Structures are given as C-alpha cells and as structure tokens.
C-alpha atoms as a PDB file:
ATOM      1  CA  MET A   1     -13.816 -18.240  17.516  1.00  0.00           C
ATOM      2  CA  GLN A   2     -12.731 -14.751  16.617  1.00  0.00           C
ATOM      3  CA  LYS A   3     -13.886 -11.773  18.500  1.00  0.00           C
ATOM      4  CA  PRO A   4     -16.057  -9.224  16.656  1.00  0.00           C
ATOM      5  CA  SER A   5     -13.101  -6.586  16.713  1.00  0.00           C
ATOM      6  CA  SER A   6     -10.860  -9.279  15.061  1.00  0.00           C
ATOM      7  CA  ARG A   7     -13.421  -9.882  12.408  1.00  0.00           C
ATOM      8  CA  LEU A   8     -13.815  -6.216  11.650  1.00  0.00           C
ATOM      9  CA  ALA A   9      -9.999  -5.852  11.399  1.00  0.00           C
ATOM     10  CA  LEU A  10      -9.924  -8.670   8.983  1.00  0.00           C
ATOM     11  CA  VAL A  11     -12.548  -6.958   6.884  1.00  0.00           C
ATOM     12  CA  ALA A  12     -10.745  -3.721   7.047  1.00  0.00           C
ATOM     13  CA  ALA A  13      -7.544  -5.428   5.850  1.00  0.00           C
ATOM     14  CA  GLY A  14      -9.618  -6.870   2.897  1.00  0.00           C
ATOM     15  CA  VAL A  15     -10.936  -3.479   1.913  1.00  0.00           C
ATOM     16  CA  THR A  16      -7.421  -2.059   1.983  1.00  0.00           C
ATOM     17  CA  VAL A  17      -6.131  -4.781  -0.297  1.00  0.00           C
ATOM     18  CA  VAL A  18      -8.904  -4.517  -2.736  1.00  0.00           C
ATOM     19  CA  LEU A  19      -8.587  -0.693  -3.068  1.00  0.00           C
ATOM     20  CA  TRP A  20      -4.859  -0.714  -3.241  1.00  0.00           C
ATOM     21  CA  ALA A  21      -5.213  -3.275  -6.170  1.00  0.00           C
ATOM     22  CA  SER A  22      -7.721  -0.983  -7.981  1.00  0.00           C
ATOM     23  CA  ALA A  23      -5.200   1.820  -7.671  1.00  0.00           C
ATOM     24  CA  PHE A  24      -2.836   0.222 -10.217  1.00  0.00           C
ATOM     25  CA  VAL A  25      -5.616   0.334 -12.810  1.00  0.00           C
ATOM     26  CA  SER A  26      -6.231   4.071 -12.114  1.00  0.00           C
ATOM     27  CA  ILE A  27      -2.590   4.995 -12.107  1.00  0.00           C
ATOM     28  CA  ARG A  28      -2.249   3.511 -15.559  1.00  0.00           C
ATOM     29  CA  SER A  29      -4.670   6.220 -16.827  1.00  0.00           C
ATOM     30  CA  ALA A  30      -3.682   9.159 -14.517  1.00  0.00           C
ATOM     31  CA  GLY A  31       0.051   8.505 -14.773  1.00  0.00           C
ATOM     32  CA  ALA A  32      -0.170   9.055 -18.616  1.00  0.00           C
ATOM     33  CA  ALA A  33      -1.187  12.744 -18.172  1.00  0.00           C
ATOM     34  CA  TYR A  34       0.252  13.756 -14.743  1.00  0.00           C
ATOM     35  CA  SER A  35       4.038  13.792 -13.879  1.00  0.00           C
ATOM     36  CA  PRO A  36       5.037  11.696 -10.843  1.00  0.00           C
ATOM     37  CA  GLY A  37       5.146  14.446  -8.292  1.00  0.00           C
ATOM     38  CA  ALA A  38       1.943  16.176  -9.545  1.00  0.00           C
ATOM     39  CA  LEU A  39       0.051  12.888  -9.400  1.00  0.00           C
ATOM     40  CA  ALA A  40       1.276  12.255  -5.841  1.00  0.00           C
ATOM     41  CA  LEU A  41       0.318  15.881  -4.717  1.00  0.00           C
ATOM     42  CA  GLY A  42      -3.199  15.674  -6.349  1.00  0.00           C
ATOM     43  CA  ARG A  43      -3.864  12.350  -4.937  1.00  0.00           C
ATOM     44  CA  LEU A  44      -2.877  13.562  -1.433  1.00  0.00           C
ATOM     45  CA  LEU A  45      -4.753  16.743  -1.582  1.00  0.00           C
ATOM     46  CA  SER A  46      -7.939  14.848  -2.609  1.00  0.00           C
ATOM     47  CA  GLY A  47      -7.289  12.477   0.381  1.00  0.00           C
ATOM     48  CA  VAL A  48      -6.697  15.199   2.844  1.00  0.00           C
ATOM     49  CA  LEU A  49      -9.938  16.943   1.871  1.00  0.00           C
ATOM     50  CA  VAL A  50     -11.996  13.941   2.434  1.00  0.00           C
ATOM     51  CA  LEU A  51     -10.160  12.769   5.571  1.00  0.00           C
ATOM     52  CA  GLY A  52     -10.358  16.310   7.072  1.00  0.00           C
ATOM     53  CA  ALA A  53     -14.131  16.535   6.465  1.00  0.00           C
ATOM     54  CA  VAL A  54     -14.652  13.247   8.176  1.00  0.00           C
ATOM     55  CA  LEU A  55     -12.383  14.204  11.004  1.00  0.00           C
ATOM     56  CA  LEU A  56     -14.478  17.401  11.556  1.00  0.00           C
ATOM     57  CA  VAL A  57     -17.647  15.442  11.458  1.00  0.00           C
ATOM     58  CA  ARG A  58     -16.472  13.007  13.991  1.00  0.00           C
ATOM     59  CA  ARG A  59     -14.966  15.795  16.122  1.00  0.00           C
ATOM     60  CA  GLU A  60     -11.796  13.819  16.801  1.00  0.00           C
ATOM     61  CA  GLY A  61      -9.540  16.813  16.754  1.00  0.00           C
ATOM     62  CA  LEU A  62      -5.667  16.612  16.958  1.00  0.00           C
ATOM     63  CA  PRO A  63      -3.865  13.542  17.814  1.00  0.00           C
ATOM     64  CA  PRO A  64      -2.067  13.384  21.178  1.00  0.00           C
ATOM     65  CA  ARG A  65       1.465  14.576  21.202  1.00  0.00           C
ATOM     66  CA  ALA A  66       2.986  11.096  21.636  1.00  0.00           C
ATOM     67  CA  ALA A  67       1.504  10.141  18.271  1.00  0.00           C
ATOM     68  CA  TRP A  68       3.163  12.814  16.286  1.00  0.00           C
ATOM     69  CA  PRO A  69       6.750  11.347  15.754  1.00  0.00           C
ATOM     70  CA  GLY A  70       5.213   8.342  14.163  1.00  0.00           C
ATOM     71  CA  ILE A  71       2.737  10.408  12.112  1.00  0.00           C
ATOM     72  CA  ALA A  72       5.546  12.719  10.964  1.00  0.00           C
ATOM     73  CA  VAL A  73       7.904   9.863   9.903  1.00  0.00           C
ATOM     74  CA  SER A  74       5.183   7.692   8.203  1.00  0.00           C
ATOM     75  CA  GLY A  75       3.611  10.782   6.497  1.00  0.00           C
ATOM     76  CA  LEU A  76       7.023  11.789   5.001  1.00  0.00           C
ATOM     77  CA  LEU A  77       8.167   8.291   4.047  1.00  0.00           C
ATOM     78  CA  TRP A  78       4.939   6.501   3.046  1.00  0.00           C
ATOM     79  CA  PHE A  79       2.568   9.306   1.909  1.00  0.00           C
ATOM     80  CA  GLY A  80       5.381  11.434   0.551  1.00  0.00           C
ATOM     81  CA  VAL A  81       8.572   9.598  -0.695  1.00  0.00           C
ATOM     82  CA  TYR A  82       6.795   6.400  -1.552  1.00  0.00           C
ATOM     83  CA  MET A  83       4.142   7.821  -3.795  1.00  0.00           C
ATOM     84  CA  VAL A  84       6.531  10.070  -5.736  1.00  0.00           C
ATOM     85  CA  VAL A  85       9.324   7.561  -6.329  1.00  0.00           C
ATOM     86  CA  LEU A  86       6.930   4.872  -7.258  1.00  0.00           C
ATOM     87  CA  ASN A  87       5.083   6.984  -9.872  1.00  0.00           C
ATOM     88  CA  TRP A  88       8.576   7.931 -11.093  1.00  0.00           C
ATOM     89  CA  GLY A  89      10.008   4.340 -11.007  1.00  0.00           C
ATOM     90  CA  GLU A  90       7.011   2.871 -13.023  1.00  0.00           C
ATOM     91  CA  GLN A  91       7.879   5.308 -15.805  1.00  0.00           C
ATOM     92  CA  GLU A  92      11.379   3.876 -15.838  1.00  0.00           C
ATOM     93  CA  VAL A  93      10.642   0.135 -15.679  1.00  0.00           C
ATOM     94  CA  ASP A  94       7.979  -2.087 -16.927  1.00  0.00           C
ATOM     95  CA  ALA A  95       5.145  -3.054 -14.534  1.00  0.00           C
ATOM     96  CA  GLY A  96       6.436  -6.575 -14.056  1.00  0.00           C
ATOM     97  CA  THR A  97       9.806  -5.290 -12.885  1.00  0.00           C
ATOM     98  CA  ALA A  98       8.182  -2.752 -10.630  1.00  0.00           C
ATOM     99  CA  ALA A  99       5.885  -5.309  -8.933  1.00  0.00           C
ATOM    100  CA  MET A 100       8.813  -7.603  -8.197  1.00  0.00           C
ATOM    101  CA  VAL A 101      10.970  -4.954  -6.613  1.00  0.00           C
ATOM    102  CA  VAL A 102       8.345  -3.163  -4.652  1.00  0.00           C
ATOM    103  CA  ASN A 103       7.227  -6.519  -3.230  1.00  0.00           C
ATOM    104  CA  VAL A 104      10.502  -6.596  -1.217  1.00  0.00           C
ATOM    105  CA  GLY A 105       8.627  -4.196   1.023  1.00  0.00           C
ATOM    106  CA  PRO A 106       6.619  -6.700   3.110  1.00  0.00           C
ATOM    107  CA  ILE A 107       9.872  -8.583   3.942  1.00  0.00           C
ATOM    108  CA  LEU A 108      11.382  -5.401   5.084  1.00  0.00           C
ATOM    109  CA  ILE A 109       8.398  -4.622   7.214  1.00  0.00           C
ATOM    110  CA  ALA A 110       8.822  -8.018   8.943  1.00  0.00           C
ATOM    111  CA  LEU A 111      12.507  -7.559   9.545  1.00  0.00           C
ATOM    112  CA  LEU A 112      12.108  -3.861  10.765  1.00  0.00           C
ATOM    113  CA  GLY A 113       9.097  -4.813  12.927  1.00  0.00           C
ATOM    114  CA  ALA A 114      11.334  -7.464  14.607  1.00  0.00           C
ATOM    115  CA  ARG A 115      14.173  -5.011  15.088  1.00  0.00           C
ATOM    116  CA  PHE A 116      12.378  -1.981  16.231  1.00  0.00           C
ATOM    117  CA  LEU A 117       8.932  -3.011  17.518  1.00  0.00           C
ATOM    118  CA  GLY A 118      10.123  -6.290  19.117  1.00  0.00           C
ATOM    119  CA  GLU A 119       7.610  -8.250  17.037  1.00  0.00           C
ATOM    120  CA  SER A 120       8.372 -12.013  16.666  1.00  0.00           C
ATOM    121  CA  LEU A 121       8.953 -13.787  13.267  1.00  0.00           C
ATOM    122  CA  PRO A 122       6.895 -17.005  13.477  1.00  0.00           C
ATOM    123  CA  PRO A 123       7.852 -19.871  11.063  1.00  0.00           C
ATOM    124  CA  ARG A 124       4.406 -19.525   9.341  1.00  0.00           C
ATOM    125  CA  LEU A 125       4.756 -15.967   8.671  1.00  0.00           C
ATOM    126  CA  LEU A 126       8.132 -16.443   7.120  1.00  0.00           C
ATOM    127  CA  ALA A 127       6.994 -19.437   5.057  1.00  0.00           C
ATOM    128  CA  GLY A 128       3.960 -17.593   3.811  1.00  0.00           C
ATOM    129  CA  MET A 129       6.020 -14.477   2.896  1.00  0.00           C
ATOM    130  CA  ALA A 130       8.397 -16.715   0.879  1.00  0.00           C
ATOM    131  CA  VAL A 131       5.696 -18.536  -0.927  1.00  0.00           C
ATOM    132  CA  SER A 132       3.940 -15.100  -1.648  1.00  0.00           C
ATOM    133  CA  PHE A 133       7.206 -13.440  -2.657  1.00  0.00           C
ATOM    134  CA  ALA A 134       7.729 -16.341  -5.132  1.00  0.00           C
ATOM    135  CA  GLY A 135       4.253 -15.649  -6.510  1.00  0.00           C
ATOM    136  CA  ALA A 136       4.944 -11.962  -6.921  1.00  0.00           C
ATOM    137  CA  VAL A 137       8.265 -12.696  -8.769  1.00  0.00           C
ATOM    138  CA  THR A 138       6.256 -15.018 -10.982  1.00  0.00           C
ATOM    139  CA  VAL A 139       3.622 -12.536 -11.768  1.00  0.00           C
ATOM    140  CA  GLY A 140       6.374  -9.874 -12.411  1.00  0.00           C
ATOM    141  CA  LEU A 141       8.251 -12.105 -14.678  1.00  0.00           C
ATOM    142  CA  SER A 142       5.082 -13.017 -16.686  1.00  0.00           C
ATOM    143  CA  MET A 143       4.153  -9.263 -16.907  1.00  0.00           C
ATOM    144  CA  SER A 144       7.631  -8.354 -18.067  1.00  0.00           C
ATOM    145  CA  ARG A 145       7.598 -11.065 -20.734  1.00  0.00           C
ATOM    146  CA  ASP A 146       4.217 -10.142 -22.010  1.00  0.00           C
ATOM    147  CA  SER A 147       4.799  -6.389 -22.044  1.00  0.00           C
ATOM    148  CA  ALA A 148       5.347  -5.158 -25.640  1.00  0.00           C
ATOM    149  CA  GLY A 149       7.795  -2.514 -24.476  1.00  0.00           C
ATOM    150  CA  GLY A 150       9.186  -4.074 -21.353  1.00  0.00           C
ATOM    151  CA  HIS A 151      12.316  -2.419 -20.125  1.00  0.00           C
ATOM    152  CA  ALA A 152      14.161  -1.966 -16.900  1.00  0.00           C
ATOM    153  CA  SER A 153      16.656   0.717 -16.202  1.00  0.00           C
ATOM    154  CA  VAL A 154      19.086   0.860 -13.264  1.00  0.00           C
ATOM    155  CA  LEU A 155      17.448   4.174 -12.269  1.00  0.00           C
ATOM    156  CA  GLY A 156      14.011   2.575 -12.327  1.00  0.00           C
ATOM    157  CA  VAL A 157      14.962  -0.484 -10.251  1.00  0.00           C
ATOM    158  CA  ALA A 158      16.626   1.861  -7.751  1.00  0.00           C
ATOM    159  CA  LEU A 159      13.615   4.078  -7.450  1.00  0.00           C
ATOM    160  CA  CYS A 160      11.268   1.016  -6.955  1.00  0.00           C
ATOM    161  CA  LEU A 161      13.699  -0.237  -4.360  1.00  0.00           C
ATOM    162  CA  LEU A 162      13.651   3.066  -2.517  1.00  0.00           C
ATOM    163  CA  ALA A 163       9.823   2.901  -2.800  1.00  0.00           C
ATOM    164  CA  ALA A 164       9.808  -0.499  -0.954  1.00  0.00           C
ATOM    165  CA  VAL A 165      12.119   0.943   1.801  1.00  0.00           C
ATOM    166  CA  ALA A 166      10.078   3.962   2.278  1.00  0.00           C
ATOM    167  CA  TYR A 167       6.924   1.816   2.443  1.00  0.00           C
ATOM    168  CA  ALA A 168       8.389  -0.334   4.968  1.00  0.00           C
ATOM    169  CA  GLY A 169       9.831   2.471   7.129  1.00  0.00           C
ATOM    170  CA  GLY A 170       6.486   4.264   7.071  1.00  0.00           C
ATOM    171  CA  VAL A 171       4.501   1.216   8.197  1.00  0.00           C
ATOM    172  CA  VAL A 172       6.833   0.495  11.104  1.00  0.00           C
ATOM    173  CA  ALA A 173       6.823   4.173  12.158  1.00  0.00           C
ATOM    174  CA  GLN A 174       2.996   4.272  11.935  1.00  0.00           C
ATOM    175  CA  LYS A 175       2.494   1.242  14.240  1.00  0.00           C
ATOM    176  CA  PRO A 176       3.515   2.983  17.614  1.00  0.00           C
ATOM    177  CA  ALA A 177       1.477   6.134  16.608  1.00  0.00           C
ATOM    178  CA  LEU A 178      -1.614   3.981  16.487  1.00  0.00           C
ATOM    179  CA  ALA A 179      -1.110   3.286  20.281  1.00  0.00           C
ATOM    180  CA  HIS A 180      -1.930   6.963  20.897  1.00  0.00           C
ATOM    181  CA  GLY A 181      -4.073   8.235  18.152  1.00  0.00           C
ATOM    182  CA  SER A 182      -6.969   6.821  16.339  1.00  0.00           C
ATOM    183  CA  ALA A 183      -6.704   5.331  12.780  1.00  0.00           C
ATOM    184  CA  LEU A 184      -8.585   8.321  11.357  1.00  0.00           C
ATOM    185  CA  GLN A 185      -6.241  10.794  13.215  1.00  0.00           C
ATOM    186  CA  VAL A 186      -3.073   9.050  12.201  1.00  0.00           C
ATOM    187  CA  THR A 187      -4.084   8.615   8.586  1.00  0.00           C
ATOM    188  CA  THR A 188      -5.467  12.208   8.294  1.00  0.00           C
ATOM    189  CA  PHE A 189      -2.355  13.962   9.555  1.00  0.00           C
ATOM    190  CA  GLY A 190       0.013  11.532   7.880  1.00  0.00           C
ATOM    191  CA  CYS A 191      -1.637  12.240   4.663  1.00  0.00           C
ATOM    192  CA  LEU A 192      -1.343  16.025   5.412  1.00  0.00           C
ATOM    193  CA  VAL A 193       2.396  15.613   6.133  1.00  0.00           C
ATOM    194  CA  GLY A 194       2.816  13.893   2.804  1.00  0.00           C
ATOM    195  CA  ALA A 195       0.954  16.508   0.954  1.00  0.00           C
ATOM    196  CA  VAL A 196       2.937  19.391   2.579  1.00  0.00           C
ATOM    197  CA  ALA A 197       6.220  17.503   1.590  1.00  0.00           C
ATOM    198  CA  CYS A 198       4.909  17.323  -1.888  1.00  0.00           C
ATOM    199  CA  LEU A 199       4.004  21.058  -2.266  1.00  0.00           C
ATOM    200  CA  PRO A 200       7.261  21.721  -4.434  1.00  0.00           C
ATOM    201  CA  PHE A 201       5.226  19.994  -7.306  1.00  0.00           C
ATOM    202  CA  ALA A 202       2.304  22.352  -6.993  1.00  0.00           C
ATOM    203  CA  GLY A 203       3.434  24.137 -10.168  1.00  0.00           C
ATOM    204  CA  GLN A 204       3.544  20.878 -12.099  1.00  0.00           C
ATOM    205  CA  LEU A 205       0.105  19.896 -10.771  1.00  0.00           C
ATOM    206  CA  ALA A 206      -1.307  23.250 -11.948  1.00  0.00           C
ATOM    207  CA  GLY A 207       0.013  22.895 -15.465  1.00  0.00           C
ATOM    208  CA  ASP A 208      -0.898  19.178 -15.751  1.00  0.00           C
ATOM    209  CA  VAL A 209      -4.562  19.775 -14.604  1.00  0.00           C
ATOM    210  CA  GLY A 210      -4.988  22.166 -17.474  1.00  0.00           C
ATOM    211  CA  ARG A 211      -3.683  19.783 -20.016  1.00  0.00           C
ATOM    212  CA  ALA A 212      -4.960  16.427 -18.764  1.00  0.00           C
ATOM    213  CA  PRO A 213      -8.044  14.738 -20.012  1.00  0.00           C
ATOM    214  CA  LEU A 214     -11.084  14.539 -17.562  1.00  0.00           C
ATOM    215  CA  SER A 215     -10.649  10.749 -17.301  1.00  0.00           C
ATOM    216  CA  ALA A 216      -7.065  11.181 -15.931  1.00  0.00           C
ATOM    217  CA  THR A 217      -8.023  13.913 -13.508  1.00  0.00           C
ATOM    218  CA  LEU A 218     -11.083  11.820 -12.185  1.00  0.00           C
ATOM    219  CA  ASN A 219      -8.704   8.846 -11.798  1.00  0.00           C
ATOM    220  CA  MET A 220      -6.405  11.123  -9.736  1.00  0.00           C
ATOM    221  CA  VAL A 221      -9.425  12.074  -7.588  1.00  0.00           C
ATOM    222  CA  TYR A 222     -10.338   8.388  -7.229  1.00  0.00           C
ATOM    223  CA  LEU A 223      -6.981   7.523  -6.073  1.00  0.00           C
ATOM    224  CA  GLY A 224      -7.123  10.125  -3.383  1.00  0.00           C
ATOM    225  CA  VAL A 225     -10.595   9.252  -2.023  1.00  0.00           C
ATOM    226  CA  PHE A 226     -10.584   5.502  -2.182  1.00  0.00           C
ATOM    227  CA  PRO A 227      -7.110   3.982  -2.206  1.00  0.00           C
ATOM    228  CA  THR A 228      -5.738   6.786  -0.057  1.00  0.00           C
ATOM    229  CA  ALA A 229      -8.343   8.236   2.333  1.00  0.00           C
ATOM    230  CA  LEU A 230     -10.476   5.108   2.788  1.00  0.00           C
ATOM    231  CA  ALA A 231      -7.732   2.360   2.246  1.00  0.00           C
ATOM    232  CA  PHE A 232      -5.130   3.923   4.386  1.00  0.00           C
ATOM    233  CA  THR A 233      -7.794   4.357   7.212  1.00  0.00           C
ATOM    234  CA  THR A 234      -8.770   0.756   7.083  1.00  0.00           C
ATOM    235  CA  TRP A 235      -5.247  -0.268   6.980  1.00  0.00           C
ATOM    236  CA  ALA A 236      -4.377   1.786  10.084  1.00  0.00           C
ATOM    237  CA  TYR A 237      -7.478   0.356  11.817  1.00  0.00           C
ATOM    238  CA  ALA A 238      -6.275  -3.315  11.089  1.00  0.00           C
ATOM    239  CA  LEU A 239      -2.562  -2.416  11.832  1.00  0.00           C
ATOM    240  CA  ALA A 240      -3.548  -1.263  15.283  1.00  0.00           C
ATOM    241  CA  ARG A 241      -4.958  -4.732  16.055  1.00  0.00           C
ATOM    242  CA  THR A 242      -2.154  -6.960  14.667  1.00  0.00           C
ATOM    243  CA  THR A 243       1.661  -6.994  13.966  1.00  0.00           C
ATOM    244  CA  ALA A 244       3.167  -4.978  11.307  1.00  0.00           C
ATOM    245  CA  GLY A 245       4.795  -8.154   9.790  1.00  0.00           C
ATOM    246  CA  ARG A 246       1.492  -9.879   9.484  1.00  0.00           C
ATOM    247  CA  MET A 247      -0.190  -6.841   7.857  1.00  0.00           C
ATOM    248  CA  GLY A 248       2.641  -6.481   5.448  1.00  0.00           C
ATOM    249  CA  ALA A 249       2.255 -10.111   4.449  1.00  0.00           C
ATOM    250  CA  THR A 250      -1.461  -9.390   3.727  1.00  0.00           C
ATOM    251  CA  THR A 251      -0.519  -7.012   0.935  1.00  0.00           C
ATOM    252  CA  TYR A 252       0.810  -9.933  -1.071  1.00  0.00           C
ATOM    253  CA  ALA A 253      -2.852 -10.525  -2.139  1.00  0.00           C
ATOM    254  CA  VAL A 254      -2.614  -7.283  -4.149  1.00  0.00           C
ATOM    255  CA  PRO A 255      -0.654  -8.657  -7.187  1.00  0.00           C
ATOM    256  CA  ALA A 256      -3.292 -11.531  -7.507  1.00  0.00           C
ATOM    257  CA  LEU A 257      -6.102  -8.991  -7.320  1.00  0.00           C
ATOM    258  CA  VAL A 258      -4.324  -6.678  -9.815  1.00  0.00           C
ATOM    259  CA  VAL A 259      -4.318  -9.527 -12.380  1.00  0.00           C
ATOM    260  CA  LEU A 260      -8.069 -10.034 -11.959  1.00  0.00           C
ATOM    261  CA  LEU A 261      -8.931  -6.349 -12.099  1.00  0.00           C
ATOM    262  CA  ALA A 262      -6.751  -5.726 -15.213  1.00  0.00           C
ATOM    263  CA  TRP A 263      -8.577  -8.823 -16.735  1.00  0.00           C
ATOM    264  CA  ALA A 264     -12.101  -7.425 -15.762  1.00  0.00           C
ATOM    265  CA  PHE A 265     -11.522  -3.663 -16.648  1.00  0.00           C
ATOM    266  CA  LEU A 266      -8.700  -3.568 -19.100  1.00  0.00           C
ATOM    267  CA  GLY A 267      -9.378  -6.685 -20.926  1.00  0.00           C
ATOM    268  CA  GLU A 268      -5.826  -8.019 -20.303  1.00  0.00           C
ATOM    269  CA  LEU A 269      -6.279 -11.802 -20.364  1.00  0.00           C
ATOM    270  CA  PRO A 270      -3.556 -13.264 -17.853  1.00  0.00           C
ATOM    271  CA  GLY A 271      -1.593 -16.275 -19.138  1.00  0.00           C
ATOM    272  CA  PRO A 272      -1.171 -19.464 -17.204  1.00  0.00           C
ATOM    273  CA  LEU A 273       2.240 -18.301 -15.599  1.00  0.00           C
ATOM    274  CA  THR A 274       0.431 -15.114 -14.371  1.00  0.00           C
ATOM    275  CA  LEU A 275      -2.503 -16.999 -12.950  1.00  0.00           C
ATOM    276  CA  ALA A 276      -0.072 -19.438 -11.141  1.00  0.00           C
ATOM    277  CA  GLY A 277       1.891 -16.592  -9.625  1.00  0.00           C
ATOM    278  CA  GLY A 278      -1.422 -14.967  -8.453  1.00  0.00           C
ATOM    279  CA  ALA A 279      -2.453 -18.332  -6.815  1.00  0.00           C
ATOM    280  CA  LEU A 280       0.971 -18.521  -5.162  1.00  0.00           C
ATOM    281  CA  CYS A 281       0.499 -14.912  -3.688  1.00  0.00           C
ATOM    282  CA  LEU A 282      -2.928 -15.787  -2.212  1.00  0.00           C
ATOM    283  CA  ALA A 283      -1.686 -19.190  -0.847  1.00  0.00           C
ATOM    284  CA  GLY A 284       1.284 -17.482   0.865  1.00  0.00           C
ATOM    285  CA  VAL A 285      -0.935 -14.955   2.491  1.00  0.00           C
ATOM    286  CA  ALA A 286      -3.168 -17.883   3.775  1.00  0.00           C
ATOM    287  CA  VAL A 287      -0.211 -19.528   5.265  1.00  0.00           C
ATOM    288  CA  SER A 288       1.162 -16.370   6.767  1.00  0.00           C
ATOM    289  CA  ARG A 289      -2.114 -15.558   8.646  1.00  0.00           C
ATOM    290  CA  SER A 290      -2.689 -19.088   9.749  1.00  0.00           C
ATOM    291  CA  ARG A 291      -1.879 -20.336  13.168  1.00  0.00           C
ATOM    292  CA  PRO A 292      -0.955 -23.671  14.832  1.00  0.00           C
ATOM    293  CA  ARG A 293      -4.231 -25.317  16.104  1.00  0.00           C
ATOM    294  CA  GLY A 294      -3.073 -25.055  19.784  1.00  0.00           C
ATOM    295  CA  SER A 295      -2.942 -21.246  19.522  1.00  0.00           C
ATOM    296  CA  ALA A 296      -6.447 -20.597  18.741  1.00  0.00           C
ATOM    297  CA  ALA A 297      -7.193 -19.078  22.104  1.00  0.00           C
ATOM    298  CA  THR A 298      -4.524 -16.495  21.793  1.00  0.00           C
ATOM    299  CA  ALA A 299      -5.406 -15.679  18.089  1.00  0.00           C
ATOM    300  CA  THR A 300      -8.494 -13.653  18.960  1.00  0.00           C
ATOM    301  CA  THR A 301      -6.354 -11.111  20.858  1.00  0.00           C
ATOM    302  CA  GLU A 302      -3.937 -10.209  18.065  1.00  0.00           C
ATOM    303  CA  SER A 303      -5.278 -11.608  14.735  1.00  0.00           C
ATOM    304  CA  ALA A 304      -6.456  -9.047  12.190  1.00  0.00           C
END
C-alpha cells in the first residue's frame, strides 16, 4: 500500500502531464503571433509573477546556498534554452517531427541520471521507455503524414534535438537542488533565471504585444500561469520523491493527451495510427512505473 506522500506525488505528476499537454494547444495560438524568444520571455515573466507572489505568501524566502548550482543550471537550460529553441524548432519542422525528436529527452534523462546521479536503470523502466518511444514515433509519423504543410528542415531537427538535450540536462541538474530547497523555491528561482536569460528578447516581446490579438496574449499568459508556474512546481514536488528517469518516462503520457486535447478543443479527429501510438505511449508509461510484485514494500519509499 502506498504512503500518502507517494500518492500525492503521483497526483502531482499527473497534474504536470495534463498541463504540459495543454500547453501544445496554447502554443499553437500564441506562437502564430509571437516570435520564439518573445513567447518564451512572456511565458516566463507570467510564471515568475505568480510564483513570486505565492513564495511571498508562504514566506519561504531564498533557497539554501547548496541548491543554487542546480537552480542556475536547470533555469538556464530548461526554463531558458529549452523554451526558446523548442518554439523556434516548431516553426522549422512540422508538429509530428518535433514530437518525435523532442521525445528523445526522457531517454537522455534516464542515461544522464544513471551517469551523474547514480540512478539505476531497471529493466521495466527501459522496456516501458522503449514502448512509449515507439508510441511517440507512431504519433509523430501520423501527425507528419496528416499535416497539410508538413516539412522538416535540418535546422528544425537540430533545434528540436537541442531542446531535448537542454530538457534532459535541466531535469538532471534540478534533482539534487530539490534535496536542499523546496519545490516552490527551486521552481520560482529556476523560472527567474530563465527569464533573465531571455531578457535580450524584451524588445521583441514589447513589439509583439502591441500587434498580437488578445487571444494570443491570453494564451501566452496561460502558458506562464499553468503549464509553467503550476506544472513545473508539481513536477519538482514529484521529482523530489522519485528518480529522474522514472519522472522522465512519465512524460511519455503527454503525446497521448495532446491527441485527446486536440480532438476536444481543436476538432482534430485522430486517425487509427495516431490513436494506436497514443495507446502505446500510455502502455509504456504503465510498464515503466510498474514494479515486480516482490518489491511492493520498497515501492512506497521511492515511487512517485
């Protein structure tokens, strides 16, 4: 039987996955009116304002000095580089290709976690990630095939690969920081570091805000408040209670949820191949998070 903290961590991971999936729908609107750097900066500034207000209300203050190296690296890589290059990459390749390349990220997280954090690579985690990655590729291929203007440039693929590397590096750097600071502290100051790194795009943001329709600006604010401020905090809470590799594998549920959200809110009816890929993603997550029956006693201490 799972401990209450383990159940809360599982709920937190679920909130993160759902909100990150919803981000793809909002990016579709905001990205048409905002340049990649401006969108990243606007999203991060919205997130910092919300997180800063919550931090003040909770009176948590500054994180301990030992947490700052991880906060700085994860803030620069994940909140900064990842958001900018992913926005840029999705302008250079179709959504299906972007999904396939970026989903290398969880595999890199598991490998980097084993190398730098001493995490194990249990067979079920590797098997589940393989199944989920096959599902992500299937979803990506179906999206590329169904896209009317599908294209993939070398620059776009390189940018999406860079996004995956930045995402993986940011997660692995964030994990040790959570041993010293709270999820709220690590997320707030990581977001602040990312926002500072994106300040060179302030001029673009000012210009884009003046020209963008209200719907695009509202989507940018939504991205900052929910998929950034809330979802990154719930992610950090769950990450502090499990391994980086296992948390990375959980994000393979995102492509399946994106398919469902696009169906519900954009009227994009998924084809059989897309649905099959989404099912594979979910099946792989289930496998990666399962444990041998004999290890139930230890699962409560490290399962998210």
